[in-house]
Amino acid sequence: MTERIWQPAEPGVKRRILPPGKSVMMMEVQFEQGAEGYEHSHVHEQMSYCLKGRIAFRIEGEETIIEQGETIVIPSGARHGVTALEESALLDCFTPLREDLLSSWRAFENEQ
């Protein structure tokens, strides 16, 4: 699988899905200051590593702020969303594979 291209997500947010393994995948997400990752949930366990900036995570109504070099774990099924407190970037890891993201990326790539 080749290097993935950037795909728009929410306003002020773009993502790049990285080549997946058999049961785990990663995605880099970049945020403009103030941009939000809308609240959602999925069956996948997620870990997010802050590559730069500061991000406020809301997980099941509880807010936690992480900054460069810190991580957070989002349990399977937990409602969560984020707000970038400054220009920021995350490396998100999911297990098992998020076929919804992979399918979305394939469709986007085919349009290019």
PDB file of N, CA and C in Angstrom:
ATOM      1  N   MET A   1       0.844  -1.168   0.000  1.00  0.00           N
ATOM      2  CA  MET A   1       0.000   0.000   0.000  1.00  0.00           C
ATOM      3  C   MET A   1       0.899   1.244   0.000  1.00  0.00           C
ATOM      4  N   THR A   2       0.573   2.217  -0.797  1.00  0.00           N
ATOM      5  CA  THR A   2       1.409   3.404  -0.929  1.00  0.00           C
ATOM      6  C   THR A   2       1.086   4.434   0.145  1.00  0.00           C
ATOM      7  N   GLU A   3       1.902   5.468   0.204  1.00  0.00           N
ATOM      8  CA  GLU A   3       1.695   6.571   1.134  1.00  0.00           C
ATOM      9  C   GLU A   3       0.322   7.191   0.899  1.00  0.00           C
ATOM     10  N   ARG A   4      -0.407   7.425   1.946  1.00  0.00           N
ATOM     11  CA  ARG A   4      -1.757   7.978   1.849  1.00  0.00           C
ATOM     12  C   ARG A   4      -1.723   9.492   1.694  1.00  0.00           C
ATOM     13  N   ILE A   5      -2.736   9.998   1.018  1.00  0.00           N
ATOM     14  CA  ILE A   5      -2.843  11.441   0.831  1.00  0.00           C
ATOM     15  C   ILE A   5      -3.737  12.034   1.920  1.00  0.00           C
ATOM     16  N   TRP A   6      -3.638  13.352   2.078  1.00  0.00           N
ATOM     17  CA  TRP A   6      -4.462  14.048   3.059  1.00  0.00           C
ATOM     18  C   TRP A   6      -5.897  14.126   2.564  1.00  0.00           C
ATOM     19  N   GLN A   7      -6.820  13.923   3.484  1.00  0.00           N
ATOM     20  CA  GLN A   7      -8.249  13.946   3.197  1.00  0.00           C
ATOM     21  C   GLN A   7      -8.904  14.935   4.150  1.00  0.00           C
ATOM     22  N   PRO A   8      -9.809  15.799   3.663  1.00  0.00           N
ATOM     23  CA  PRO A   8     -10.502  16.704   4.582  1.00  0.00           C
ATOM     24  C   PRO A   8     -11.429  15.919   5.502  1.00  0.00           C
ATOM     25  N   ALA A   9     -11.559  16.394   6.729  1.00  0.00           N
ATOM     26  CA  ALA A   9     -12.494  15.794   7.689  1.00  0.00           C
ATOM     27  C   ALA A   9     -13.478  16.909   8.075  1.00  0.00           C
ATOM     28  N   GLU A  10     -13.530  17.295   9.336  1.00  0.00           N
ATOM     29  CA  GLU A  10     -14.363  18.406   9.756  1.00  0.00           C
ATOM     30  C   GLU A  10     -13.696  19.729   9.351  1.00  0.00           C
ATOM     31  N   PRO A  11     -14.408  20.865   9.450  1.00  0.00           N
ATOM     32  CA  PRO A  11     -13.783  22.155   9.124  1.00  0.00           C
ATOM     33  C   PRO A  11     -12.518  22.391   9.962  1.00  0.00           C
ATOM     34  N   GLY A  12     -11.411  22.718   9.273  1.00  0.00           N
ATOM     35  CA  GLY A  12     -10.142  22.962   9.962  1.00  0.00           C
ATOM     36  C   GLY A  12      -9.399  21.706  10.363  1.00  0.00           C
ATOM     37  N   VAL A  13      -9.872  20.550   9.876  1.00  0.00           N
ATOM     38  CA  VAL A  13      -9.269  19.264  10.245  1.00  0.00           C
ATOM     39  C   VAL A  13      -8.988  18.479   8.963  1.00  0.00           C
ATOM     40  N   LYS A  14      -7.775  17.902   8.874  1.00  0.00           N
ATOM     41  CA  LYS A  14      -7.471  16.994   7.774  1.00  0.00           C
ATOM     42  C   LYS A  14      -6.787  15.768   8.343  1.00  0.00           C
ATOM     43  N   ARG A  15      -6.910  14.653   7.609  1.00  0.00           N
ATOM     44  CA  ARG A  15      -6.368  13.384   8.106  1.00  0.00           C
ATOM     45  C   ARG A  15      -5.654  12.636   6.991  1.00  0.00           C
ATOM     46  N   ARG A  16      -4.722  11.790   7.431  1.00  0.00           N
ATOM     47  CA  ARG A  16      -3.945  10.958   6.508  1.00  0.00           C
ATOM     48  C   ARG A  16      -3.905   9.557   7.094  1.00  0.00           C
ATOM     49  N   ILE A  17      -4.566   8.635   6.418  1.00  0.00           N
ATOM     50  CA  ILE A  17      -4.613   7.256   6.889  1.00  0.00           C
ATOM     51  C   ILE A  17      -3.341   6.560   6.442  1.00  0.00           C
ATOM     52  N   LEU A  18      -2.666   5.924   7.388  1.00  0.00           N
ATOM     53  CA  LEU A  18      -1.402   5.246   7.117  1.00  0.00           C
ATOM     54  C   LEU A  18      -1.656   3.778   6.784  1.00  0.00           C
ATOM     55  N   PRO A  19      -0.734   3.136   6.089  1.00  0.00           N
ATOM     56  CA  PRO A  19      -0.936   1.726   5.720  1.00  0.00           C
ATOM     57  C   PRO A  19      -1.225   0.871   6.963  1.00  0.00           C
ATOM     58  N   PRO A  20      -2.333   0.115   6.949  1.00  0.00           N
ATOM     59  CA  PRO A  20      -2.719  -0.657   8.135  1.00  0.00           C
ATOM     60  C   PRO A  20      -1.998  -1.992   8.246  1.00  0.00           C
ATOM     61  N   GLY A  21      -2.006  -2.526   9.466  1.00  0.00           N
ATOM     62  CA  GLY A  21      -1.582  -3.899   9.705  1.00  0.00           C
ATOM     63  C   GLY A  21      -2.794  -4.810   9.572  1.00  0.00           C
ATOM     64  N   LYS A  22      -2.708  -6.005  10.132  1.00  0.00           N
ATOM     65  CA  LYS A  22      -3.823  -6.941  10.042  1.00  0.00           C
ATOM     66  C   LYS A  22      -4.946  -6.606  11.014  1.00  0.00           C
ATOM     67  N   SER A  23      -4.609  -6.009  12.173  1.00  0.00           N
ATOM     68  CA  SER A  23      -5.647  -5.721  13.160  1.00  0.00           C
ATOM     69  C   SER A  23      -5.475  -4.359  13.841  1.00  0.00           C
ATOM     70  N   VAL A  24      -4.497  -3.582  13.391  1.00  0.00           N
ATOM     71  CA  VAL A  24      -4.280  -2.252  13.975  1.00  0.00           C
ATOM     72  C   VAL A  24      -3.966  -1.278  12.843  1.00  0.00           C
ATOM     73  N   MET A  25      -4.397  -0.021  13.030  1.00  0.00           N
ATOM     74  CA  MET A  25      -4.130   0.996  12.015  1.00  0.00           C
ATOM     75  C   MET A  25      -3.862   2.333  12.697  1.00  0.00           C
ATOM     76  N   MET A  26      -3.215   3.248  11.937  1.00  0.00           N
ATOM     77  CA  MET A  26      -2.898   4.583  12.442  1.00  0.00           C
ATOM     78  C   MET A  26      -3.370   5.625  11.442  1.00  0.00           C
ATOM     79  N   MET A  27      -3.623   6.816  11.994  1.00  0.00           N
ATOM     80  CA  MET A  27      -4.052   7.930  11.170  1.00  0.00           C
ATOM     81  C   MET A  27      -3.490   9.207  11.795  1.00  0.00           C
ATOM     82  N   GLU A  28      -2.849  10.033  10.976  1.00  0.00           N
ATOM     83  CA  GLU A  28      -2.384  11.331  11.440  1.00  0.00           C
ATOM     84  C   GLU A  28      -3.497  12.341  11.190  1.00  0.00           C
ATOM     85  N   VAL A  29      -3.765  13.180  12.185  1.00  0.00           N
ATOM     86  CA  VAL A  29      -4.830  14.172  12.078  1.00  0.00           C
ATOM     87  C   VAL A  29      -4.249  15.537  12.439  1.00  0.00           C
ATOM     88  N   GLN A  30      -4.444  16.529  11.575  1.00  0.00           N
ATOM     89  CA  GLN A  30      -3.967  17.884  11.829  1.00  0.00           C
ATOM     90  C   GLN A  30      -5.152  18.818  12.032  1.00  0.00           C
ATOM     91  N   PHE A  31      -5.006  19.722  13.007  1.00  0.00           N
ATOM     92  CA  PHE A  31      -6.078  20.629  13.393  1.00  0.00           C
ATOM     93  C   PHE A  31      -5.594  22.075  13.357  1.00  0.00           C
ATOM     94  N   GLU A  32      -6.410  22.950  12.791  1.00  0.00           N
ATOM     95  CA  GLU A  32      -6.184  24.377  12.967  1.00  0.00           C
ATOM     96  C   GLU A  32      -6.639  24.739  14.376  1.00  0.00           C
ATOM     97  N   GLN A  33      -6.137  25.836  14.924  1.00  0.00           N
ATOM     98  CA  GLN A  33      -6.560  26.267  16.257  1.00  0.00           C
ATOM     99  C   GLN A  33      -8.074  26.439  16.281  1.00  0.00           C
ATOM    100  N   GLY A  34      -8.719  25.885  17.298  1.00  0.00           N
ATOM    101  CA  GLY A  34     -10.165  25.991  17.467  1.00  0.00           C
ATOM    102  C   GLY A  34     -10.975  24.952  16.713  1.00  0.00           C
ATOM    103  N   ALA A  35     -10.339  24.180  15.835  1.00  0.00           N
ATOM    104  CA  ALA A  35     -11.071  23.165  15.064  1.00  0.00           C
ATOM    105  C   ALA A  35     -11.539  22.045  15.993  1.00  0.00           C
ATOM    106  N   GLU A  36     -12.646  21.428  15.600  1.00  0.00           N
ATOM    107  CA  GLU A  36     -13.221  20.359  16.411  1.00  0.00           C
ATOM    108  C   GLU A  36     -13.315  19.052  15.642  1.00  0.00           C
ATOM    109  N   GLY A  37     -13.049  17.988  16.354  1.00  0.00           N
ATOM    110  CA  GLY A  37     -13.388  16.649  15.884  1.00  0.00           C
ATOM    111  C   GLY A  37     -14.716  16.333  16.549  1.00  0.00           C
ATOM    112  N   TYR A  38     -15.777  16.223  15.761  1.00  0.00           N
ATOM    113  CA  TYR A  38     -17.124  16.091  16.302  1.00  0.00           C
ATOM    114  C   TYR A  38     -17.273  14.846  17.171  1.00  0.00           C
ATOM    115  N   GLU A  39     -18.165  14.944  18.158  1.00  0.00           N
ATOM    116  CA  GLU A  39     -18.413  13.836  19.063  1.00  0.00           C
ATOM    117  C   GLU A  39     -18.985  12.642  18.294  1.00  0.00           C
ATOM    118  N   HIS A  40     -18.452  11.461  18.601  1.00  0.00           N
ATOM    119  CA  HIS A  40     -18.871  10.229  17.951  1.00  0.00           C
ATOM    120  C   HIS A  40     -18.449   9.051  18.818  1.00  0.00           C
ATOM    121  N   SER A  41     -18.807   7.861  18.406  1.00  0.00           N
ATOM    122  CA  SER A  41     -18.329   6.647  19.089  1.00  0.00           C
ATOM    123  C   SER A  41     -18.136   5.567  18.039  1.00  0.00           C
ATOM    124  N   HIS A  42     -17.336   4.576  18.390  1.00  0.00           N
ATOM    125  CA  HIS A  42     -17.110   3.422  17.520  1.00  0.00           C
ATOM    126  C   HIS A  42     -16.685   2.248  18.386  1.00  0.00           C
ATOM    127  N   VAL A  43     -16.787   1.057  17.838  1.00  0.00           N
ATOM    128  CA  VAL A  43     -16.462  -0.149  18.606  1.00  0.00           C
ATOM    129  C   VAL A  43     -14.961  -0.334  18.797  1.00  0.00           C
ATOM    130  N   HIS A  44     -14.167   0.453  18.102  1.00  0.00           N
ATOM    131  CA  HIS A  44     -12.718   0.296  18.116  1.00  0.00           C
ATOM    132  C   HIS A  44     -12.097   0.948  19.354  1.00  0.00           C
ATOM    133  N   GLU A  45     -11.110   0.288  19.945  1.00  0.00           N
ATOM    134  CA  GLU A  45     -10.308   0.920  20.982  1.00  0.00           C
ATOM    135  C   GLU A  45      -9.359   1.889  20.275  1.00  0.00           C
ATOM    136  N   GLN A  46      -9.132   3.047  20.882  1.00  0.00           N
ATOM    137  CA  GLN A  46      -8.300   4.084  20.259  1.00  0.00           C
ATOM    138  C   GLN A  46      -7.283   4.612  21.255  1.00  0.00           C
ATOM    139  N   MET A  47      -6.080   4.836  20.770  1.00  0.00           N
ATOM    140  CA  MET A  47      -5.053   5.583  21.514  1.00  0.00           C
ATOM    141  C   MET A  47      -4.669   6.767  20.647  1.00  0.00           C
ATOM    142  N   SER A  48      -4.549   7.934  21.256  1.00  0.00           N
ATOM    143  CA  SER A  48      -4.130   9.133  20.536  1.00  0.00           C
ATOM    144  C   SER A  48      -2.879   9.687  21.179  1.00  0.00           C
ATOM    145  N   TYR A  49      -1.881   9.975  20.339  1.00  0.00           N
ATOM    146  CA  TYR A  49      -0.611  10.557  20.761  1.00  0.00           C
ATOM    147  C   TYR A  49      -0.541  11.969  20.183  1.00  0.00           C
ATOM    148  N   CYS A  50      -0.280  12.951  21.025  1.00  0.00           N
ATOM    149  CA  CYS A  50      -0.217  14.335  20.572  1.00  0.00           C
ATOM    150  C   CYS A  50       1.169  14.617  19.990  1.00  0.00           C
ATOM    151  N   LEU A  51       1.205  14.823  18.683  1.00  0.00           N
ATOM    152  CA  LEU A  51       2.460  15.124  17.986  1.00  0.00           C
ATOM    153  C   LEU A  51       2.898  16.563  18.203  1.00  0.00           C
ATOM    154  N   LYS A  52       1.912  17.485  18.289  1.00  0.00           N
ATOM    155  CA  LYS A  52       2.206  18.890  18.564  1.00  0.00           C
ATOM    156  C   LYS A  52       0.934  19.574  19.034  1.00  0.00           C
ATOM    157  N   GLY A  53       1.108  20.666  19.775  1.00  0.00           N
ATOM    158  CA  GLY A  53      -0.025  21.467  20.208  1.00  0.00           C
ATOM    159  C   GLY A  53      -0.663  20.989  21.503  1.00  0.00           C
ATOM    160  N   ARG A  54      -1.922  21.411  21.697  1.00  0.00           N
ATOM    161  CA  ARG A  54      -2.728  21.045  22.870  1.00  0.00           C
ATOM    162  C   ARG A  54      -4.141  20.740  22.394  1.00  0.00           C
ATOM    163  N   ILE A  55      -4.673  19.625  22.871  1.00  0.00           N
ATOM    164  CA  ILE A  55      -5.993  19.146  22.451  1.00  0.00           C
ATOM    165  C   ILE A  55      -6.832  18.841  23.686  1.00  0.00           C
ATOM    166  N   ALA A  56      -8.067  19.345  23.692  1.00  0.00           N
ATOM    167  CA  ALA A  56      -9.026  19.004  24.749  1.00  0.00           C
ATOM    168  C   ALA A  56      -9.884  17.846  24.257  1.00  0.00           C
ATOM    169  N   PHE A  57      -9.778  16.701  24.916  1.00  0.00           N
ATOM    170  CA  PHE A  57     -10.604  15.528  24.621  1.00  0.00           C
ATOM    171  C   PHE A  57     -11.803  15.525  25.557  1.00  0.00           C
ATOM    172  N   ARG A  58     -12.959  15.219  25.008  1.00  0.00           N
ATOM    173  CA  ARG A  58     -14.160  14.988  25.808  1.00  0.00           C
ATOM    174  C   ARG A  58     -14.518  13.513  25.616  1.00  0.00           C
ATOM    175  N   ILE A  59     -14.417  12.745  26.702  1.00  0.00           N
ATOM    176  CA  ILE A  59     -14.725  11.314  26.642  1.00  0.00           C
ATOM    177  C   ILE A  59     -15.817  11.045  27.660  1.00  0.00           C
ATOM    178  N   GLU A  60     -16.980  10.634  27.152  1.00  0.00           N
ATOM    179  CA  GLU A  60     -18.143  10.378  28.014  1.00  0.00           C
ATOM    180  C   GLU A  60     -18.403  11.568  28.943  1.00  0.00           C
ATOM    181  N   GLY A  61     -18.275  12.792  28.399  1.00  0.00           N
ATOM    182  CA  GLY A  61     -18.586  14.014  29.140  1.00  0.00           C
ATOM    183  C   GLY A  61     -17.466  14.549  30.019  1.00  0.00           C
ATOM    184  N   GLU A  62     -16.370  13.829  30.147  1.00  0.00           N
ATOM    185  CA  GLU A  62     -15.247  14.276  30.973  1.00  0.00           C
ATOM    186  C   GLU A  62     -14.141  14.833  30.088  1.00  0.00           C
ATOM    187  N   GLU A  63     -13.656  16.039  30.424  1.00  0.00           N
ATOM    188  CA  GLU A  63     -12.625  16.674  29.607  1.00  0.00           C
ATOM    189  C   GLU A  63     -11.227  16.408  30.155  1.00  0.00           C
ATOM    190  N   THR A  64     -10.313  16.085  29.249  1.00  0.00           N
ATOM    191  CA  THR A  64      -8.899  15.898  29.560  1.00  0.00           C
ATOM    192  C   THR A  64      -8.098  16.612  28.484  1.00  0.00           C
ATOM    193  N   ILE A  65      -7.118  17.403  28.894  1.00  0.00           N
ATOM    194  CA  ILE A  65      -6.262  18.112  27.937  1.00  0.00           C
ATOM    195  C   ILE A  65      -4.926  17.388  27.854  1.00  0.00           C
ATOM    196  N   ILE A  66      -4.514  17.098  26.607  1.00  0.00           N
ATOM    197  CA  ILE A  66      -3.177  16.530  26.403  1.00  0.00           C
ATOM    198  C   ILE A  66      -2.385  17.483  25.517  1.00  0.00           C
ATOM    199  N   GLU A  67      -1.078  17.426  25.666  1.00  0.00           N
ATOM    200  CA  GLU A  67      -0.204  18.256  24.839  1.00  0.00           C
ATOM    201  C   GLU A  67       0.913  17.405  24.278  1.00  0.00           C
ATOM    202  N   GLN A  68       1.762  18.034  23.479  1.00  0.00           N
ATOM    203  CA  GLN A  68       2.816  17.318  22.766  1.00  0.00           C
ATOM    204  C   GLN A  68       3.515  16.303  23.659  1.00  0.00           C
ATOM    205  N   GLY A  69       3.611  15.055  23.154  1.00  0.00           N
ATOM    206  CA  GLY A  69       4.294  13.983  23.865  1.00  0.00           C
ATOM    207  C   GLY A  69       3.410  13.179  24.797  1.00  0.00           C
ATOM    208  N   GLU A  70       2.137  13.552  24.925  1.00  0.00           N
ATOM    209  CA  GLU A  70       1.233  12.833  25.823  1.00  0.00           C
ATOM    210  C   GLU A  70       0.244  11.983  25.024  1.00  0.00           C
ATOM    211  N   THR A  71      -0.321  10.965  25.700  1.00  0.00           N
ATOM    212  CA  THR A  71      -1.278  10.069  25.069  1.00  0.00           C
ATOM    213  C   THR A  71      -2.568  10.002  25.879  1.00  0.00           C
ATOM    214  N   ILE A  72      -3.595   9.496  25.218  1.00  0.00           N
ATOM    215  CA  ILE A  72      -4.869   9.244  25.888  1.00  0.00           C
ATOM    216  C   ILE A  72      -5.470   7.992  25.265  1.00  0.00           C
ATOM    217  N   VAL A  73      -6.185   7.211  26.072  1.00  0.00           N
ATOM    218  CA  VAL A  73      -6.846   5.991  25.602  1.00  0.00           C
ATOM    219  C   VAL A  73      -8.347   6.233  25.597  1.00  0.00           C
ATOM    220  N   ILE A  74      -8.996   5.836  24.514  1.00  0.00           N
ATOM    221  CA  ILE A  74     -10.448   5.944  24.391  1.00  0.00           C
ATOM    222  C   ILE A  74     -10.995   4.525  24.290  1.00  0.00           C
ATOM    223  N   PRO A  75     -11.756   4.103  25.296  1.00  0.00           N
ATOM    224  CA  PRO A  75     -12.273   2.734  25.287  1.00  0.00           C
ATOM    225  C   PRO A  75     -13.270   2.492  24.155  1.00  0.00           C
ATOM    226  N   SER A  76     -13.409   1.262  23.779  1.00  0.00           N
ATOM    227  CA  SER A  76     -14.399   0.846  22.792  1.00  0.00           C
ATOM    228  C   SER A  76     -15.782   1.339  23.207  1.00  0.00           C
ATOM    229  N   GLY A  77     -16.506   1.969  22.270  1.00  0.00           N
ATOM    230  CA  GLY A  77     -17.874   2.405  22.516  1.00  0.00           C
ATOM    231  C   GLY A  77     -18.037   3.735  23.223  1.00  0.00           C
ATOM    232  N   ALA A  78     -16.946   4.355  23.680  1.00  0.00           N
ATOM    233  CA  ALA A  78     -17.048   5.620  24.420  1.00  0.00           C
ATOM    234  C   ALA A  78     -17.342   6.781  23.469  1.00  0.00           C
ATOM    235  N   ARG A  79     -18.302   7.646  23.845  1.00  0.00           N
ATOM    236  CA  ARG A  79     -18.566   8.863  23.069  1.00  0.00           C
ATOM    237  C   ARG A  79     -17.422   9.827  23.335  1.00  0.00           C
ATOM    238  N   HIS A  80     -16.866  10.392  22.246  1.00  0.00           N
ATOM    239  CA  HIS A  80     -15.729  11.287  22.407  1.00  0.00           C
ATOM    240  C   HIS A  80     -15.661  12.299  21.274  1.00  0.00           C
ATOM    241  N   GLY A  81     -15.008  13.411  21.554  1.00  0.00           N
ATOM    242  CA  GLY A  81     -14.761  14.459  20.579  1.00  0.00           C
ATOM    243  C   GLY A  81     -13.582  15.280  21.071  1.00  0.00           C
ATOM    244  N   VAL A  82     -13.072  16.167  20.228  1.00  0.00           N
ATOM    245  CA  VAL A  82     -11.902  16.965  20.595  1.00  0.00           C
ATOM    246  C   VAL A  82     -12.049  18.397  20.111  1.00  0.00           C
ATOM    247  N   THR A  83     -11.302  19.293  20.768  1.00  0.00           N
ATOM    248  CA  THR A  83     -11.143  20.676  20.321  1.00  0.00           C
ATOM    249  C   THR A  83      -9.665  21.009  20.392  1.00  0.00           C
ATOM    250  N   ALA A  84      -9.121  21.567  19.309  1.00  0.00           N
ATOM    251  CA  ALA A  84      -7.710  21.969  19.283  1.00  0.00           C
ATOM    252  C   ALA A  84      -7.590  23.329  19.961  1.00  0.00           C
ATOM    253  N   LEU A  85      -6.850  23.387  21.035  1.00  0.00           N
ATOM    254  CA  LEU A  85      -6.662  24.637  21.773  1.00  0.00           C
ATOM    255  C   LEU A  85      -5.640  25.533  21.094  1.00  0.00           C
ATOM    256  N   GLU A  86      -4.847  24.933  20.218  1.00  0.00           N
ATOM    257  CA  GLU A  86      -3.893  25.648  19.367  1.00  0.00           C
ATOM    258  C   GLU A  86      -3.670  24.749  18.148  1.00  0.00           C
ATOM    259  N   GLU A  87      -2.913  25.226  17.168  1.00  0.00           N
ATOM    260  CA  GLU A  87      -2.611  24.360  16.020  1.00  0.00           C
ATOM    261  C   GLU A  87      -2.012  23.067  16.558  1.00  0.00           C
ATOM    262  N   SER A  88      -2.565  21.937  16.144  1.00  0.00           N
ATOM    263  CA  SER A  88      -2.195  20.658  16.764  1.00  0.00           C
ATOM    264  C   SER A  88      -2.180  19.528  15.758  1.00  0.00           C
ATOM    265  N   ALA A  89      -1.574  18.409  16.175  1.00  0.00           N
ATOM    266  CA  ALA A  89      -1.569  17.190  15.373  1.00  0.00           C
ATOM    267  C   ALA A  89      -1.609  15.984  16.301  1.00  0.00           C
ATOM    268  N   LEU A  90      -2.366  14.974  15.902  1.00  0.00           N
ATOM    269  CA  LEU A  90      -2.475  13.723  16.647  1.00  0.00           C
ATOM    270  C   LEU A  90      -2.075  12.558  15.764  1.00  0.00           C
ATOM    271  N   LEU A  91      -1.589  11.508  16.388  1.00  0.00           N
ATOM    272  CA  LEU A  91      -1.428  10.217  15.747  1.00  0.00           C
ATOM    273  C   LEU A  91      -2.417   9.292  16.452  1.00  0.00           C
ATOM    274  N   ASP A  92      -3.481   8.898  15.745  1.00  0.00           N
ATOM    275  CA  ASP A  92      -4.512   8.029  16.299  1.00  0.00           C
ATOM    276  C   ASP A  92      -4.243   6.592  15.884  1.00  0.00           C
ATOM    277  N   CYS A  93      -4.376   5.676  16.836  1.00  0.00           N
ATOM    278  CA  CYS A  93      -4.212   4.244  16.575  1.00  0.00           C
ATOM    279  C   CYS A  93      -5.525   3.552  16.931  1.00  0.00           C
ATOM    280  N   PHE A  94      -5.955   2.624  16.089  1.00  0.00           N
ATOM    281  CA  PHE A  94      -7.218   1.913  16.288  1.00  0.00           C
ATOM    282  C   PHE A  94      -7.005   0.416  16.167  1.00  0.00           C
ATOM    283  N   THR A  95      -7.740  -0.325  16.988  1.00  0.00           N
ATOM    284  CA  THR A  95      -7.832  -1.762  16.833  1.00  0.00           C
ATOM    285  C   THR A  95      -9.249  -2.183  17.179  1.00  0.00           C
ATOM    286  N   PRO A  96      -9.888  -3.071  16.403  1.00  0.00           N
ATOM    287  CA  PRO A  96      -9.414  -3.600  15.131  1.00  0.00           C
ATOM    288  C   PRO A  96      -9.451  -2.517  14.048  1.00  0.00           C
ATOM    289  N   LEU A  97      -9.174  -2.908  12.809  1.00  0.00           N
ATOM    290  CA  LEU A  97      -9.175  -1.964  11.698  1.00  0.00           C
ATOM    291  C   LEU A  97     -10.517  -1.243  11.592  1.00  0.00           C
ATOM    292  N   ARG A  98     -10.451   0.054  11.275  1.00  0.00           N
ATOM    293  CA  ARG A  98     -11.667   0.835  11.047  1.00  0.00           C
ATOM    294  C   ARG A  98     -11.984   0.811   9.557  1.00  0.00           C
ATOM    295  N   GLU A  99     -12.790  -0.149   9.171  1.00  0.00           N
ATOM    296  CA  GLU A  99     -13.158  -0.275   7.762  1.00  0.00           C
ATOM    297  C   GLU A  99     -13.881   0.963   7.260  1.00  0.00           C
ATOM    298  N   ASP A 100     -14.616   1.678   8.150  1.00  0.00           N
ATOM    299  CA  ASP A 100     -15.290   2.910   7.720  1.00  0.00           C
ATOM    300  C   ASP A 100     -14.274   3.935   7.232  1.00  0.00           C
ATOM    301  N   LEU A 101     -13.154   4.093   7.946  1.00  0.00           N
ATOM    302  CA  LEU A 101     -12.115   5.031   7.518  1.00  0.00           C
ATOM    303  C   LEU A 101     -11.418   4.544   6.255  1.00  0.00           C
ATOM    304  N   LEU A 102     -11.114   3.261   6.205  1.00  0.00           N
ATOM    305  CA  LEU A 102     -10.432   2.722   5.029  1.00  0.00           C
ATOM    306  C   LEU A 102     -11.319   2.833   3.790  1.00  0.00           C
ATOM    307  N   SER A 103     -12.617   2.568   3.927  1.00  0.00           N
ATOM    308  CA  SER A 103     -13.540   2.697   2.795  1.00  0.00           C
ATOM    309  C   SER A 103     -13.667   4.146   2.355  1.00  0.00           C
ATOM    310  N   SER A 104     -13.763   5.059   3.319  1.00  0.00           N
ATOM    311  CA  SER A 104     -13.861   6.484   3.018  1.00  0.00           C
ATOM    312  C   SER A 104     -12.621   6.947   2.276  1.00  0.00           C
ATOM    313  N   TRP A 105     -11.453   6.486   2.732  1.00  0.00           N
ATOM    314  CA  TRP A 105     -10.211   6.880   2.062  1.00  0.00           C
ATOM    315  C   TRP A 105     -10.170   6.346   0.633  1.00  0.00           C
ATOM    316  N   ARG A 106     -10.562   5.078   0.449  1.00  0.00           N
ATOM    317  CA  ARG A 106     -10.544   4.488  -0.904  1.00  0.00           C
ATOM    318  C   ARG A 106     -11.448   5.282  -1.856  1.00  0.00           C
ATOM    319  N   ALA A 107     -12.628   5.669  -1.378  1.00  0.00           N
ATOM    320  CA  ALA A 107     -13.559   6.444  -2.202  1.00  0.00           C
ATOM    321  C   ALA A 107     -12.963   7.803  -2.533  1.00  0.00           C
ATOM    322  N   PHE A 108     -12.341   8.454  -1.549  1.00  0.00           N
ATOM    323  CA  PHE A 108     -11.728   9.769  -1.762  1.00  0.00           C
ATOM    324  C   PHE A 108     -10.582   9.655  -2.763  1.00  0.00           C
ATOM    325  N   GLU A 109      -9.741   8.627  -2.594  1.00  0.00           N
ATOM    326  CA  GLU A 109      -8.604   8.435  -3.496  1.00  0.00           C
ATOM    327  C   GLU A 109      -9.070   8.228  -4.935  1.00  0.00           C
ATOM    328  N   ASN A 110     -10.168   7.488  -5.130  1.00  0.00           N
ATOM    329  CA  ASN A 110     -10.683   7.222  -6.471  1.00  0.00           C
ATOM    330  C   ASN A 110     -11.215   8.480  -7.148  1.00  0.00           C
ATOM    331  N   GLU A 111     -11.638   9.475  -6.354  1.00  0.00           N
ATOM    332  CA  GLU A 111     -12.121  10.743  -6.906  1.00  0.00           C
ATOM    333  C   GLU A 111     -10.971  11.635  -7.376  1.00  0.00           C
ATOM    334  N   GLN A 112      -9.773  11.400  -6.859  1.00  0.00           N
ATOM    335  CA  GLN A 112      -8.630  12.277  -7.165  1.00  0.00           C
ATOM    336  C   GLN A 112      -8.073  12.038  -8.545  1.00  0.00           C
TER     337      GLN A 112
END
